[in-house]
Amino acid sequence: MTDEFQPDDLNAAARAAWDANAEAWDARMRDEGNDFQRLLVTPAAARLLRVLPGERVLDVACGNGIFSRHLARLGARVVACDFSAALIERARARTLEHVDRVDYRIVDATDSAQLLALGAGAYDAAVCNMALMDMAAIDPLCVALAQLLKPGGRFVFSVMHPCFNTNGATFLGEWEDRDGVPVITLSVRVTQYLNLRPARGLALAEQPVPHYYFHRPLHALLGTAFRAGFVLDGLEECAFGPELAEPHRLLNWTNYQDIPPVLVCRLRPAGMP
């Protein structure tokens, strides 16, 4: 099964949307990101990546550089790329410490030639946080990473959970009188999973224009990596804790402690320890 979604036209539209949203995105995410980034994505990705000081790490689709700066603080040497020139401009502006450890570049992760120009066998690890579902094609990235990583390297990615957090899912809240006690039950209704088509949506309420989502079921998402020669050897499904519940924002992910909105995976080349 291929994951191609008429990539040329949609990839251009996706880039245009992120260029248009870059200023609003940067203003909202700032240096450390929102709750999703700070509490779910960054900790889980860091645990699975296990970066060591001095390692060279490729941060794909880096946005405004939140995780790139985190890696630099851990002592890594980072090459960080994104296809949006506007986001790279903001990432550079926000990187005020460890400037010598982060090299920002404009690279389209759906273009294998641009990726391979970053240097075959040059990276101890690679990471792509919350962006694979924004890419019209992920085959070029997986194939390129098999060549960009050093022997024994690892690739960590995070995405909106393909089973629960896509444009095929809907938040539900049900109220009932249970023996005189009002009870509210929250759930996620999934009406489509296997054949989701590209759809536009909002990651942030304040972003100027919706951007494209390219949600993939697990067999398509991981199958692309498996075909490129990777095996899965680490996985976390991340949800918010009860201490973060927000009763005044009922249909919000912070209130769904038993349903994970984020999936984080670690891949390694087959046959490597």
C-alpha atoms as a PDB file:
ATOM      1  CA  MET A   1       0.000   0.000   0.000  1.00  0.00           C
ATOM      2  CA  THR A   2       1.369   3.407  -0.950  1.00  0.00           C
ATOM      3  CA  ASP A   3       0.896   6.504   1.151  1.00  0.00           C
ATOM      4  CA  GLU A   4       1.022   8.991  -1.745  1.00  0.00           C
ATOM      5  CA  PHE A   5      -1.715  11.636  -1.798  1.00  0.00           C
ATOM      6  CA  GLN A   6      -1.146  13.403  -5.148  1.00  0.00           C
ATOM      7  CA  PRO A   7       1.922  14.802  -3.363  1.00  0.00           C
ATOM      8  CA  ASP A   8       3.055  17.594  -5.693  1.00  0.00           C
ATOM      9  CA  ASP A   9      -0.058  19.767  -5.562  1.00  0.00           C
ATOM     10  CA  LEU A  10      -0.946  19.023  -1.949  1.00  0.00           C
ATOM     11  CA  ASN A  11       2.629  19.424  -0.745  1.00  0.00           C
ATOM     12  CA  ALA A  12       2.739  22.925  -2.249  1.00  0.00           C
ATOM     13  CA  ALA A  13      -0.565  23.762  -0.580  1.00  0.00           C
ATOM     14  CA  ALA A  14       0.699  22.398   2.732  1.00  0.00           C
ATOM     15  CA  ARG A  15       3.848  24.543   2.518  1.00  0.00           C
ATOM     16  CA  ALA A  16       1.849  27.664   1.663  1.00  0.00           C
ATOM     17  CA  ALA A  17      -0.401  27.117   4.691  1.00  0.00           C
ATOM     18  CA  TRP A  18       2.534  26.715   7.085  1.00  0.00           C
ATOM     19  CA  ASP A  19       4.223  29.813   5.683  1.00  0.00           C
ATOM     20  CA  ALA A  20       0.982  31.723   6.276  1.00  0.00           C
ATOM     21  CA  ASN A  21       0.594  30.332   9.800  1.00  0.00           C
ATOM     22  CA  ALA A  22       4.227  30.644  10.894  1.00  0.00           C
ATOM     23  CA  GLU A  23       3.867  33.931  12.760  1.00  0.00           C
ATOM     24  CA  ALA A  24       0.748  32.851  14.683  1.00  0.00           C
ATOM     25  CA  TRP A  25       2.234  29.400  15.363  1.00  0.00           C
ATOM     26  CA  ASP A  26       5.448  30.870  16.737  1.00  0.00           C
ATOM     27  CA  ALA A  27       3.552  33.374  18.888  1.00  0.00           C
ATOM     28  CA  ARG A  28       1.492  30.566  20.446  1.00  0.00           C
ATOM     29  CA  MET A  29       4.200  27.910  20.805  1.00  0.00           C
ATOM     30  CA  ARG A  30       7.007  30.279  21.793  1.00  0.00           C
ATOM     31  CA  ASP A  31      10.158  28.670  23.260  1.00  0.00           C
ATOM     32  CA  GLU A  32       8.789  25.521  24.918  1.00  0.00           C
ATOM     33  CA  GLY A  33       5.488  24.822  23.141  1.00  0.00           C
ATOM     34  CA  ASN A  34       1.928  24.255  24.311  1.00  0.00           C
ATOM     35  CA  ASP A  35       0.768  21.562  26.753  1.00  0.00           C
ATOM     36  CA  PHE A  36       0.929  18.882  24.069  1.00  0.00           C
ATOM     37  CA  GLN A  37       4.542  19.710  23.299  1.00  0.00           C
ATOM     38  CA  ARG A  38       5.769  20.338  26.847  1.00  0.00           C
ATOM     39  CA  LEU A  39       3.946  17.565  28.696  1.00  0.00           C
ATOM     40  CA  LEU A  40       3.521  14.802  26.128  1.00  0.00           C
ATOM     41  CA  VAL A  41       5.723  15.112  23.051  1.00  0.00           C
ATOM     42  CA  THR A  42       9.045  16.430  24.353  1.00  0.00           C
ATOM     43  CA  PRO A  43       9.336  14.090  27.382  1.00  0.00           C
ATOM     44  CA  ALA A  44       8.336  10.952  25.455  1.00  0.00           C
ATOM     45  CA  ALA A  45      10.490  11.745  22.409  1.00  0.00           C
ATOM     46  CA  ALA A  46      13.462  12.486  24.652  1.00  0.00           C
ATOM     47  CA  ARG A  47      13.009   9.196  26.560  1.00  0.00           C
ATOM     48  CA  LEU A  48      12.920   7.148  23.376  1.00  0.00           C
ATOM     49  CA  LEU A  49      15.681   9.080  21.619  1.00  0.00           C
ATOM     50  CA  ARG A  50      18.133   8.837  24.558  1.00  0.00           C
ATOM     51  CA  VAL A  51      20.452  11.390  23.043  1.00  0.00           C
ATOM     52  CA  LEU A  52      24.019  11.568  24.330  1.00  0.00           C
ATOM     53  CA  PRO A  53      26.242  14.666  24.476  1.00  0.00           C
ATOM     54  CA  GLY A  54      28.146  15.106  21.241  1.00  0.00           C
ATOM     55  CA  GLU A  55      25.779  13.026  19.129  1.00  0.00           C
ATOM     56  CA  ARG A  56      24.670  14.438  15.786  1.00  0.00           C
ATOM     57  CA  VAL A  57      20.888  14.512  15.461  1.00  0.00           C
ATOM     58  CA  LEU A  58      18.665  15.391  12.508  1.00  0.00           C
ATOM     59  CA  ASP A  59      15.430  17.167  13.502  1.00  0.00           C
ATOM     60  CA  VAL A  60      13.006  16.848  10.576  1.00  0.00           C
ATOM     61  CA  ALA A  61      10.121  19.329  10.236  1.00  0.00           C
ATOM     62  CA  CYS A  62      11.479  21.269  13.197  1.00  0.00           C
ATOM     63  CA  GLY A  63       8.924  24.096  13.109  1.00  0.00           C
ATOM     64  CA  ASN A  64      10.119  26.988  15.241  1.00  0.00           C
ATOM     65  CA  GLY A  65      12.864  24.827  16.751  1.00  0.00           C
ATOM     66  CA  ILE A  66      11.399  23.792  20.104  1.00  0.00           C
ATOM     67  CA  PHE A  67      12.851  20.276  20.157  1.00  0.00           C
ATOM     68  CA  SER A  68      16.026  21.345  18.366  1.00  0.00           C
ATOM     69  CA  ARG A  69      16.809  23.707  21.233  1.00  0.00           C
ATOM     70  CA  HIS A  70      16.004  20.949  23.731  1.00  0.00           C
ATOM     71  CA  LEU A  71      18.475  18.645  21.987  1.00  0.00           C
ATOM     72  CA  ALA A  72      21.126  21.369  22.001  1.00  0.00           C
ATOM     73  CA  ARG A  73      20.670  21.820  25.751  1.00  0.00           C
ATOM     74  CA  LEU A  74      21.321  18.080  26.115  1.00  0.00           C
ATOM     75  CA  GLY A  75      24.635  18.530  24.320  1.00  0.00           C
ATOM     76  CA  ALA A  76      23.672  17.247  20.869  1.00  0.00           C
ATOM     77  CA  ARG A  77      24.818  18.779  17.594  1.00  0.00           C
ATOM     78  CA  VAL A  78      21.631  19.363  15.621  1.00  0.00           C
ATOM     79  CA  VAL A  79      20.805  19.818  11.958  1.00  0.00           C
ATOM     80  CA  ALA A  80      17.210  21.060  11.978  1.00  0.00           C
ATOM     81  CA  CYS A  81      15.147  21.399   8.823  1.00  0.00           C
ATOM     82  CA  ASP A  82      11.686  22.431   7.699  1.00  0.00           C
ATOM     83  CA  PHE A  83      10.095  23.117   4.315  1.00  0.00           C
ATOM     84  CA  SER A  84       8.676  26.435   5.543  1.00  0.00           C
ATOM     85  CA  ALA A  85      11.166  29.269   5.179  1.00  0.00           C
ATOM     86  CA  ALA A  86       8.991  31.372   7.497  1.00  0.00           C
ATOM     87  CA  LEU A  87       9.225  28.796  10.298  1.00  0.00           C
ATOM     88  CA  ILE A  88      12.985  28.426   9.860  1.00  0.00           C
ATOM     89  CA  GLU A  89      13.338  32.217  10.140  1.00  0.00           C
ATOM     90  CA  ARG A  90      11.485  32.130  13.466  1.00  0.00           C
ATOM     91  CA  ALA A  91      13.448  29.126  14.694  1.00  0.00           C
ATOM     92  CA  ARG A  92      16.708  30.969  14.099  1.00  0.00           C
ATOM     93  CA  ALA A  93      15.387  34.073  15.867  1.00  0.00           C
ATOM     94  CA  ARG A  94      14.416  32.037  18.942  1.00  0.00           C
ATOM     95  CA  THR A  95      17.719  30.174  19.208  1.00  0.00           C
ATOM     96  CA  LEU A  96      19.724  32.451  21.487  1.00  0.00           C
ATOM     97  CA  GLU A  97      21.675  29.804  23.427  1.00  0.00           C
ATOM     98  CA  HIS A  98      23.919  27.029  22.091  1.00  0.00           C
ATOM     99  CA  VAL A  99      23.746  28.700  18.690  1.00  0.00           C
ATOM    100  CA  ASP A 100      26.813  26.771  17.536  1.00  0.00           C
ATOM    101  CA  ARG A 101      24.996  23.465  18.157  1.00  0.00           C
ATOM    102  CA  VAL A 102      21.982  24.044  15.883  1.00  0.00           C
ATOM    103  CA  ASP A 103      22.205  24.398  12.114  1.00  0.00           C
ATOM    104  CA  TYR A 104      18.818  25.366  10.617  1.00  0.00           C
ATOM    105  CA  ARG A 105      18.136  24.562   6.966  1.00  0.00           C
ATOM    106  CA  ILE A 106      15.214  24.798   4.554  1.00  0.00           C
ATOM    107  CA  VAL A 107      14.587  21.221   3.374  1.00  0.00           C
ATOM    108  CA  ASP A 108      11.449  19.575   2.024  1.00  0.00           C
ATOM    109  CA  ALA A 109      11.104  16.204   3.776  1.00  0.00           C
ATOM    110  CA  THR A 110       9.075  14.832   0.854  1.00  0.00           C
ATOM    111  CA  ASP A 111      12.066  15.327  -1.466  1.00  0.00           C
ATOM    112  CA  SER A 112      14.616  12.506  -1.167  1.00  0.00           C
ATOM    113  CA  ALA A 113      17.348  14.437  -3.013  1.00  0.00           C
ATOM    114  CA  GLN A 114      17.128  17.366  -0.594  1.00  0.00           C
ATOM    115  CA  LEU A 115      17.242  14.984   2.358  1.00  0.00           C
ATOM    116  CA  LEU A 116      20.222  12.983   1.081  1.00  0.00           C
ATOM    117  CA  ALA A 117      22.126  16.226   0.516  1.00  0.00           C
ATOM    118  CA  LEU A 118      22.225  16.507   4.326  1.00  0.00           C
ATOM    119  CA  GLY A 119      24.902  13.792   4.402  1.00  0.00           C
ATOM    120  CA  ALA A 120      24.754  10.004   4.161  1.00  0.00           C
ATOM    121  CA  GLY A 121      25.786   8.194   7.336  1.00  0.00           C
ATOM    122  CA  ALA A 122      26.206  11.476   9.199  1.00  0.00           C
ATOM    123  CA  TYR A 123      23.627  11.144  12.001  1.00  0.00           C
ATOM    124  CA  ASP A 124      23.494   9.162  15.213  1.00  0.00           C
ATOM    125  CA  ALA A 125      19.756   9.769  15.470  1.00  0.00           C
ATOM    126  CA  ALA A 126      16.838  11.491  13.788  1.00  0.00           C
ATOM    127  CA  VAL A 127      13.545  12.812  15.102  1.00  0.00           C
ATOM    128  CA  CYS A 128      10.320  14.100  13.574  1.00  0.00           C
ATOM    129  CA  ASN A 129       7.838  15.501  16.065  1.00  0.00           C
ATOM    130  CA  MET A 130       4.144  15.914  15.237  1.00  0.00           C
ATOM    131  CA  ALA A 131       4.723  16.329  11.514  1.00  0.00           C
ATOM    132  CA  LEU A 132       4.373  13.038   9.607  1.00  0.00           C
ATOM    133  CA  MET A 133       0.600  13.622   9.521  1.00  0.00           C
ATOM    134  CA  ASP A 134       1.345  16.992   7.865  1.00  0.00           C
ATOM    135  CA  MET A 135       3.337  15.422   5.005  1.00  0.00           C
ATOM    136  CA  ALA A 136       1.782  14.490   1.665  1.00  0.00           C
ATOM    137  CA  ALA A 137       4.301  11.629   1.361  1.00  0.00           C
ATOM    138  CA  ILE A 138       6.519   9.915   3.932  1.00  0.00           C
ATOM    139  CA  ASP A 139       8.182   7.277   1.746  1.00  0.00           C
ATOM    140  CA  PRO A 140      11.005   9.650   0.687  1.00  0.00           C
ATOM    141  CA  LEU A 141      11.804  10.464   4.318  1.00  0.00           C
ATOM    142  CA  CYS A 142      11.908   6.840   5.491  1.00  0.00           C
ATOM    143  CA  VAL A 143      14.036   5.745   2.538  1.00  0.00           C
ATOM    144  CA  ALA A 144      16.430   8.668   3.005  1.00  0.00           C
ATOM    145  CA  LEU A 145      16.750   8.100   6.760  1.00  0.00           C
ATOM    146  CA  ALA A 146      17.956   4.556   6.115  1.00  0.00           C
ATOM    147  CA  GLN A 147      20.948   6.167   4.390  1.00  0.00           C
ATOM    148  CA  LEU A 148      21.358   9.273   6.573  1.00  0.00           C
ATOM    149  CA  LEU A 149      21.665   7.366   9.858  1.00  0.00           C
ATOM    150  CA  LYS A 150      24.894   5.793  11.019  1.00  0.00           C
ATOM    151  CA  PRO A 151      24.887   2.013  11.627  1.00  0.00           C
ATOM    152  CA  GLY A 152      22.900   1.434  14.797  1.00  0.00           C
ATOM    153  CA  GLY A 153      21.188   4.835  14.563  1.00  0.00           C
ATOM    154  CA  ARG A 154      17.603   5.382  15.624  1.00  0.00           C
ATOM    155  CA  PHE A 155      14.637   7.378  14.392  1.00  0.00           C
ATOM    156  CA  VAL A 156      11.960   8.671  16.769  1.00  0.00           C
ATOM    157  CA  PHE A 157       8.713  10.187  15.561  1.00  0.00           C
ATOM    158  CA  SER A 158       5.570  11.481  17.243  1.00  0.00           C
ATOM    159  CA  VAL A 159       2.180  11.948  15.621  1.00  0.00           C
ATOM    160  CA  MET A 160      -1.416  12.630  16.520  1.00  0.00           C
ATOM    161  CA  HIS A 161      -2.587   9.139  17.501  1.00  0.00           C
ATOM    162  CA  PRO A 162      -3.885   7.505  14.304  1.00  0.00           C
ATOM    163  CA  CYS A 163      -6.604   5.612  16.181  1.00  0.00           C
ATOM    164  CA  PHE A 164      -8.120   8.422  18.230  1.00  0.00           C
ATOM    165  CA  ASN A 165      -6.938  11.868  17.154  1.00  0.00           C
ATOM    166  CA  THR A 166      -7.693  12.414  13.467  1.00  0.00           C
ATOM    167  CA  ASN A 167     -10.293  14.043  11.262  1.00  0.00           C
ATOM    168  CA  GLY A 168     -12.160  10.727  11.520  1.00  0.00           C
ATOM    169  CA  ALA A 169     -12.783  11.156  15.265  1.00  0.00           C
ATOM    170  CA  THR A 170     -15.323  13.239  17.213  1.00  0.00           C
ATOM    171  CA  PHE A 171     -15.408  14.259  20.888  1.00  0.00           C
ATOM    172  CA  LEU A 172     -18.568  13.207  22.752  1.00  0.00           C
ATOM    173  CA  GLY A 173     -19.926  14.127  26.181  1.00  0.00           C
ATOM    174  CA  GLU A 174     -22.938  12.282  27.651  1.00  0.00           C
ATOM    175  CA  TRP A 175     -24.908  13.296  30.748  1.00  0.00           C
ATOM    176  CA  GLU A 176     -27.021  10.922  32.789  1.00  0.00           C
ATOM    177  CA  ASP A 177     -28.841  10.871  36.101  1.00  0.00           C
ATOM    178  CA  ARG A 178     -27.411   7.814  37.854  1.00  0.00           C
ATOM    179  CA  ASP A 179     -29.456   7.159  41.025  1.00  0.00           C
ATOM    180  CA  GLY A 180     -29.786  10.858  41.638  1.00  0.00           C
ATOM    181  CA  VAL A 181     -26.153  11.621  40.842  1.00  0.00           C
ATOM    182  CA  PRO A 182     -25.391  13.544  37.626  1.00  0.00           C
ATOM    183  CA  VAL A 183     -22.656  11.724  35.689  1.00  0.00           C
ATOM    184  CA  ILE A 184     -20.825  12.946  32.604  1.00  0.00           C
ATOM    185  CA  THR A 185     -19.095  10.369  30.406  1.00  0.00           C
ATOM    186  CA  LEU A 186     -16.536  11.494  27.845  1.00  0.00           C
ATOM    187  CA  SER A 187     -15.662   9.439  24.779  1.00  0.00           C
ATOM    188  CA  VAL A 188     -14.173   9.622  21.299  1.00  0.00           C
ATOM    189  CA  ARG A 189     -16.276   8.321  18.425  1.00  0.00           C
ATOM    190  CA  VAL A 190     -14.254   7.018  15.484  1.00  0.00           C
ATOM    191  CA  THR A 191     -16.221   6.926  12.233  1.00  0.00           C
ATOM    192  CA  GLN A 192     -13.333   6.494   9.799  1.00  0.00           C
ATOM    193  CA  TYR A 193      -9.828   5.063  10.125  1.00  0.00           C
ATOM    194  CA  LEU A 194      -8.546   2.947   7.224  1.00  0.00           C
ATOM    195  CA  ASN A 195      -9.244   5.293   4.335  1.00  0.00           C
ATOM    196  CA  LEU A 196      -8.952   8.847   5.581  1.00  0.00           C
ATOM    197  CA  ARG A 197      -8.303  11.282   2.779  1.00  0.00           C
ATOM    198  CA  PRO A 198      -6.356  14.552   3.076  1.00  0.00           C
ATOM    199  CA  ALA A 199      -8.400  17.148   4.918  1.00  0.00           C
ATOM    200  CA  ARG A 200      -7.787  20.656   6.179  1.00  0.00           C
ATOM    201  CA  GLY A 201      -7.997  21.520   9.850  1.00  0.00           C
ATOM    202  CA  LEU A 202      -6.770  23.795  12.635  1.00  0.00           C
ATOM    203  CA  ALA A 203      -3.963  22.871  15.000  1.00  0.00           C
ATOM    204  CA  LEU A 204      -4.466  26.175  16.826  1.00  0.00           C
ATOM    205  CA  ALA A 205      -7.694  28.160  16.950  1.00  0.00           C
ATOM    206  CA  GLU A 206      -5.817  31.372  16.209  1.00  0.00           C
ATOM    207  CA  GLN A 207      -3.949  30.250  13.081  1.00  0.00           C
ATOM    208  CA  PRO A 208      -4.918  32.349  10.022  1.00  0.00           C
ATOM    209  CA  VAL A 209      -5.627  29.472   7.616  1.00  0.00           C
ATOM    210  CA  PRO A 210      -6.326  25.746   8.017  1.00  0.00           C
ATOM    211  CA  HIS A 211      -3.557  23.384   6.933  1.00  0.00           C
ATOM    212  CA  TYR A 212      -3.665  19.918   5.413  1.00  0.00           C
ATOM    213  CA  TYR A 213      -3.670  16.727   7.455  1.00  0.00           C
ATOM    214  CA  PHE A 214      -2.568  13.425   5.917  1.00  0.00           C
ATOM    215  CA  HIS A 215      -3.580  10.935   8.597  1.00  0.00           C
ATOM    216  CA  ARG A 216      -2.518   7.322   8.015  1.00  0.00           C
ATOM    217  CA  PRO A 217      -3.632   4.116   9.739  1.00  0.00           C
ATOM    218  CA  LEU A 218      -0.971   2.296  11.700  1.00  0.00           C
ATOM    219  CA  HIS A 219      -0.259  -0.302   9.023  1.00  0.00           C
ATOM    220  CA  ALA A 220       0.421   2.448   6.467  1.00  0.00           C
ATOM    221  CA  LEU A 221       2.413   4.650   8.850  1.00  0.00           C
ATOM    222  CA  LEU A 222       4.652   1.882  10.182  1.00  0.00           C
ATOM    223  CA  GLY A 223       4.585  -0.176   6.993  1.00  0.00           C
ATOM    224  CA  THR A 224       6.345   2.641   5.161  1.00  0.00           C
ATOM    225  CA  ALA A 225       9.168   2.475   7.707  1.00  0.00           C
ATOM    226  CA  PHE A 226       9.291  -1.323   7.592  1.00  0.00           C
ATOM    227  CA  ARG A 227       9.645  -1.291   3.790  1.00  0.00           C
ATOM    228  CA  ALA A 228      12.573   1.107   4.195  1.00  0.00           C
ATOM    229  CA  GLY A 229      14.343  -1.444   6.409  1.00  0.00           C
ATOM    230  CA  PHE A 230      13.404  -0.254   9.892  1.00  0.00           C
ATOM    231  CA  VAL A 231      12.012  -2.228  12.814  1.00  0.00           C
ATOM    232  CA  LEU A 232       9.959  -0.860  15.698  1.00  0.00           C
ATOM    233  CA  ASP A 233      11.640  -1.213  19.087  1.00  0.00           C
ATOM    234  CA  GLY A 234      10.002   1.433  21.268  1.00  0.00           C
ATOM    235  CA  LEU A 235       6.533   2.943  21.627  1.00  0.00           C
ATOM    236  CA  GLU A 236       4.648   5.246  23.982  1.00  0.00           C
ATOM    237  CA  GLU A 237       0.993   6.281  23.892  1.00  0.00           C
ATOM    238  CA  CYS A 238       0.740   9.590  25.708  1.00  0.00           C
ATOM    239  CA  ALA A 239      -2.235  11.024  27.589  1.00  0.00           C
ATOM    240  CA  PHE A 240      -2.695  13.851  30.076  1.00  0.00           C
ATOM    241  CA  GLY A 241      -2.852  13.089  33.794  1.00  0.00           C
ATOM    242  CA  PRO A 242      -5.923  13.742  35.982  1.00  0.00           C
ATOM    243  CA  GLU A 243      -4.186  16.683  37.626  1.00  0.00           C
ATOM    244  CA  LEU A 244      -4.512  18.562  34.342  1.00  0.00           C
ATOM    245  CA  ALA A 245      -8.257  18.067  33.934  1.00  0.00           C
ATOM    246  CA  GLU A 246     -10.143  21.210  32.898  1.00  0.00           C
ATOM    247  CA  PRO A 247     -13.853  20.839  33.768  1.00  0.00           C
ATOM    248  CA  HIS A 248     -14.604  24.250  32.256  1.00  0.00           C
ATOM    249  CA  ARG A 249     -13.320  22.958  28.894  1.00  0.00           C
ATOM    250  CA  LEU A 250     -15.186  19.675  28.894  1.00  0.00           C
ATOM    251  CA  LEU A 251     -14.438  18.404  25.365  1.00  0.00           C
ATOM    252  CA  ASN A 252     -10.702  18.962  25.625  1.00  0.00           C
ATOM    253  CA  TRP A 253      -7.914  16.373  25.490  1.00  0.00           C
ATOM    254  CA  THR A 254      -6.807  17.268  29.021  1.00  0.00           C
ATOM    255  CA  ASN A 255      -9.993  15.601  30.296  1.00  0.00           C
ATOM    256  CA  TYR A 256      -9.419  12.306  28.442  1.00  0.00           C
ATOM    257  CA  GLN A 257      -6.952  10.601  30.749  1.00  0.00           C
ATOM    258  CA  ASP A 258      -7.537   7.089  29.371  1.00  0.00           C
ATOM    259  CA  ILE A 259      -7.427   7.881  25.653  1.00  0.00           C
ATOM    260  CA  PRO A 260      -4.016   8.902  24.235  1.00  0.00           C
ATOM    261  CA  PRO A 261      -3.956  11.760  21.724  1.00  0.00           C
ATOM    262  CA  VAL A 262      -0.252  11.242  20.899  1.00  0.00           C
ATOM    263  CA  LEU A 263       1.723   8.237  19.640  1.00  0.00           C
ATOM    264  CA  VAL A 264       5.538   8.194  19.859  1.00  0.00           C
ATOM    265  CA  CYS A 265       7.621   5.453  18.204  1.00  0.00           C
ATOM    266  CA  ARG A 266      11.291   4.525  17.933  1.00  0.00           C
ATOM    267  CA  LEU A 267      12.623   2.759  14.841  1.00  0.00           C
ATOM    268  CA  ARG A 268      16.025   1.203  14.151  1.00  0.00           C
ATOM    269  CA  PRO A 269      17.544  -0.340  11.042  1.00  0.00           C
ATOM    270  CA  ALA A 270      16.760  -4.063  10.898  1.00  0.00           C
ATOM    271  CA  GLY A 271      19.545  -6.262  12.217  1.00  0.00           C
ATOM    272  CA  MET A 272      21.055  -3.561  14.438  1.00  0.00           C
ATOM    273  CA  PRO A 273      21.294  -3.889  18.242  1.00  0.00           C
END
